[in-house]
Amino acid sequence: MKKILIALASALLLAGSLALAETEHTLQALQHASAAVTHGAAGHASVLVEHAEAALTHAEAAQKAEPNPHMAEAITHLKAAIEHGKMGHADIATEHAEQALQHIKLAGR
């Protein structure tokens, strides 16, 4: 009985840790995607790329911890934002970053 309780407690602790990690990654993805939008709107394509790449790292980690169709869509838009930002297309990159931001918000609900 004691072993079962220990195993159950360990499983609950692990599940709580994974949920916390997913939440933290979602929050970080949200913050970086927001910064990407702000800099993209100001025409700073290179800074948009930096924040979009950081957002992508966190979005992928959140997606790995707990798959979500909105986070998957955010990842797609972040990749497009990075691609266009590297080409200097701040306007198009910003549109993708905005879409990513909306999907990250939906994934966090």
C-alpha atoms as a PDB file:
ATOM      1  CA  MET A   1       0.000   0.000   0.000  1.00  0.00           C
ATOM      2  CA  LYS A   2       2.839   2.349   0.897  1.00  0.00           C
ATOM      3  CA  LYS A   3       4.513   1.736  -2.482  1.00  0.00           C
ATOM      4  CA  ILE A   4       1.281   2.522  -4.307  1.00  0.00           C
ATOM      5  CA  LEU A   5       0.889   5.793  -2.428  1.00  0.00           C
ATOM      6  CA  ILE A   6       4.492   6.760  -3.156  1.00  0.00           C
ATOM      7  CA  ALA A   7       4.058   5.913  -6.843  1.00  0.00           C
ATOM      8  CA  LEU A   8       0.808   7.895  -6.992  1.00  0.00           C
ATOM      9  CA  ALA A   9       2.360  10.887  -5.244  1.00  0.00           C
ATOM     10  CA  SER A  10       5.343  10.763  -7.609  1.00  0.00           C
ATOM     11  CA  ALA A  11       3.060  10.643 -10.642  1.00  0.00           C
ATOM     12  CA  LEU A  12       1.045  13.624  -9.412  1.00  0.00           C
ATOM     13  CA  LEU A  13       4.207  15.587  -8.717  1.00  0.00           C
ATOM     14  CA  LEU A  14       5.556  14.837 -12.186  1.00  0.00           C
ATOM     15  CA  ALA A  15       2.261  15.786 -13.841  1.00  0.00           C
ATOM     16  CA  GLY A  16       2.215  19.058 -11.904  1.00  0.00           C
ATOM     17  CA  SER A  17       5.791  19.780 -12.947  1.00  0.00           C
ATOM     18  CA  LEU A  18       4.992  19.156 -16.617  1.00  0.00           C
ATOM     19  CA  ALA A  19       1.948  21.425 -16.442  1.00  0.00           C
ATOM     20  CA  LEU A  20       4.022  24.143 -14.800  1.00  0.00           C
ATOM     21  CA  ALA A  21       6.722  23.813 -17.478  1.00  0.00           C
ATOM     22  CA  GLU A  22       4.110  24.027 -20.236  1.00  0.00           C
ATOM     23  CA  THR A  23       2.575  27.108 -18.615  1.00  0.00           C
ATOM     24  CA  GLU A  24       5.969  28.813 -18.230  1.00  0.00           C
ATOM     25  CA  HIS A  25       6.888  28.090 -21.860  1.00  0.00           C
ATOM     26  CA  THR A  26       3.525  29.387 -23.038  1.00  0.00           C
ATOM     27  CA  LEU A  27       4.023  32.581 -21.038  1.00  0.00           C
ATOM     28  CA  GLN A  28       7.531  33.079 -22.447  1.00  0.00           C
ATOM     29  CA  ALA A  29       6.296  32.399 -25.994  1.00  0.00           C
ATOM     30  CA  LEU A  30       3.539  34.962 -25.442  1.00  0.00           C
ATOM     31  CA  GLN A  31       5.968  37.613 -24.198  1.00  0.00           C
ATOM     32  CA  HIS A  32       8.443  37.113 -27.038  1.00  0.00           C
ATOM     33  CA  ALA A  33       5.732  36.984 -29.708  1.00  0.00           C
ATOM     34  CA  SER A  34       4.329  40.244 -28.336  1.00  0.00           C
ATOM     35  CA  ALA A  35       7.786  41.845 -28.503  1.00  0.00           C
ATOM     36  CA  ALA A  36       8.175  40.543 -32.064  1.00  0.00           C
ATOM     37  CA  VAL A  37       4.921  42.257 -33.055  1.00  0.00           C
ATOM     38  CA  THR A  38       5.968  45.524 -31.401  1.00  0.00           C
ATOM     39  CA  HIS A  39       9.355  45.599 -33.131  1.00  0.00           C
ATOM     40  CA  GLY A  40       7.935  44.454 -36.451  1.00  0.00           C
ATOM     41  CA  ALA A  41       5.380  47.265 -36.386  1.00  0.00           C
ATOM     42  CA  ALA A  42       8.287  49.674 -35.868  1.00  0.00           C
ATOM     43  CA  GLY A  43      10.024  48.208 -38.933  1.00  0.00           C
ATOM     44  CA  HIS A  44      12.753  46.436 -36.947  1.00  0.00           C
ATOM     45  CA  ALA A  45      12.819  43.184 -38.900  1.00  0.00           C
ATOM     46  CA  SER A  46      16.045  41.908 -37.324  1.00  0.00           C
ATOM     47  CA  VAL A  47      14.766  42.424 -33.768  1.00  0.00           C
ATOM     48  CA  LEU A  48      11.457  40.815 -34.740  1.00  0.00           C
ATOM     49  CA  VAL A  49      13.444  37.758 -35.842  1.00  0.00           C
ATOM     50  CA  GLU A  50      15.280  37.579 -32.503  1.00  0.00           C
ATOM     51  CA  HIS A  51      12.034  37.609 -30.524  1.00  0.00           C
ATOM     52  CA  ALA A  52      10.227  35.301 -32.946  1.00  0.00           C
ATOM     53  CA  GLU A  53      13.053  32.770 -32.623  1.00  0.00           C
ATOM     54  CA  ALA A  54      12.854  32.929 -28.818  1.00  0.00           C
ATOM     55  CA  ALA A  55       9.051  32.597 -29.005  1.00  0.00           C
ATOM     56  CA  LEU A  56       9.445  29.611 -31.322  1.00  0.00           C
ATOM     57  CA  THR A  57      11.788  27.858 -28.886  1.00  0.00           C
ATOM     58  CA  HIS A  58       9.272  28.259 -26.061  1.00  0.00           C
ATOM     59  CA  ALA A  59       6.267  27.423 -28.236  1.00  0.00           C
ATOM     60  CA  GLU A  60       7.911  24.186 -29.353  1.00  0.00           C
ATOM     61  CA  ALA A  61       8.713  23.292 -25.731  1.00  0.00           C
ATOM     62  CA  ALA A  62       5.107  23.980 -24.696  1.00  0.00           C
ATOM     63  CA  GLN A  63       3.849  21.923 -27.628  1.00  0.00           C
ATOM     64  CA  LYS A  64       6.117  19.045 -26.644  1.00  0.00           C
ATOM     65  CA  ALA A  65       4.897  19.184 -23.026  1.00  0.00           C
ATOM     66  CA  GLU A  66       1.237  19.254 -24.033  1.00  0.00           C
ATOM     67  CA  PRO A  67       0.196  19.186 -27.698  1.00  0.00           C
ATOM     68  CA  ASN A  68      -2.340  21.842 -28.658  1.00  0.00           C
ATOM     69  CA  PRO A  69      -3.640  22.674 -32.158  1.00  0.00           C
ATOM     70  CA  HIS A  70      -3.412  26.412 -31.478  1.00  0.00           C
ATOM     71  CA  MET A  71       0.225  26.127 -30.401  1.00  0.00           C
ATOM     72  CA  ALA A  72       0.931  24.109 -33.546  1.00  0.00           C
ATOM     73  CA  GLU A  73      -0.569  26.924 -35.627  1.00  0.00           C
ATOM     74  CA  ALA A  74       1.448  29.494 -33.658  1.00  0.00           C
ATOM     75  CA  ILE A  75       4.620  27.559 -34.460  1.00  0.00           C
ATOM     76  CA  THR A  76       3.760  27.654 -38.173  1.00  0.00           C
ATOM     77  CA  HIS A  77       3.255  31.425 -38.055  1.00  0.00           C
ATOM     78  CA  LEU A  78       6.419  32.007 -36.013  1.00  0.00           C
ATOM     79  CA  LYS A  79       8.456  30.116 -38.611  1.00  0.00           C
ATOM     80  CA  ALA A  80       6.899  32.256 -41.364  1.00  0.00           C
ATOM     81  CA  ALA A  81       7.596  35.427 -39.353  1.00  0.00           C
ATOM     82  CA  ILE A  82      11.245  34.406 -38.996  1.00  0.00           C
ATOM     83  CA  GLU A  83      11.546  33.591 -42.685  1.00  0.00           C
ATOM     84  CA  HIS A  84      10.063  36.921 -43.809  1.00  0.00           C
ATOM     85  CA  GLY A  85      11.909  38.881 -41.132  1.00  0.00           C
ATOM     86  CA  LYS A  86      15.237  37.493 -42.356  1.00  0.00           C
ATOM     87  CA  MET A  87      14.319  38.762 -45.823  1.00  0.00           C
ATOM     88  CA  GLY A  88      13.673  42.198 -44.356  1.00  0.00           C
ATOM     89  CA  HIS A  89       9.906  42.016 -44.909  1.00  0.00           C
ATOM     90  CA  ALA A  90       8.934  43.519 -41.567  1.00  0.00           C
ATOM     91  CA  ASP A  91       5.314  44.065 -42.618  1.00  0.00           C
ATOM     92  CA  ILE A  92       4.633  40.464 -43.639  1.00  0.00           C
ATOM     93  CA  ALA A  93       6.671  39.121 -40.725  1.00  0.00           C
ATOM     94  CA  THR A  94       4.611  41.248 -38.349  1.00  0.00           C
ATOM     95  CA  GLU A  95       1.364  39.837 -39.745  1.00  0.00           C
ATOM     96  CA  HIS A  96       2.612  36.315 -39.056  1.00  0.00           C
ATOM     97  CA  ALA A  97       3.833  37.299 -35.589  1.00  0.00           C
ATOM     98  CA  GLU A  98       0.390  38.757 -34.835  1.00  0.00           C
ATOM     99  CA  GLN A  99      -1.278  35.522 -35.935  1.00  0.00           C
ATOM    100  CA  ALA A 100       1.162  33.530 -33.799  1.00  0.00           C
ATOM    101  CA  LEU A 101       0.404  35.746 -30.815  1.00  0.00           C
ATOM    102  CA  GLN A 102      -3.337  35.151 -31.178  1.00  0.00           C
ATOM    103  CA  HIS A 103      -2.854  31.378 -31.361  1.00  0.00           C
ATOM    104  CA  ILE A 104      -0.532  31.358 -28.340  1.00  0.00           C
ATOM    105  CA  LYS A 105      -3.216  33.216 -26.389  1.00  0.00           C
ATOM    106  CA  LEU A 106      -5.799  30.631 -27.441  1.00  0.00           C
ATOM    107  CA  ALA A 107      -3.458  27.778 -26.544  1.00  0.00           C
ATOM    108  CA  GLY A 108      -2.968  29.224 -23.055  1.00  0.00           C
ATOM    109  CA  ARG A 109      -6.670  29.102 -22.201  1.00  0.00           C
END
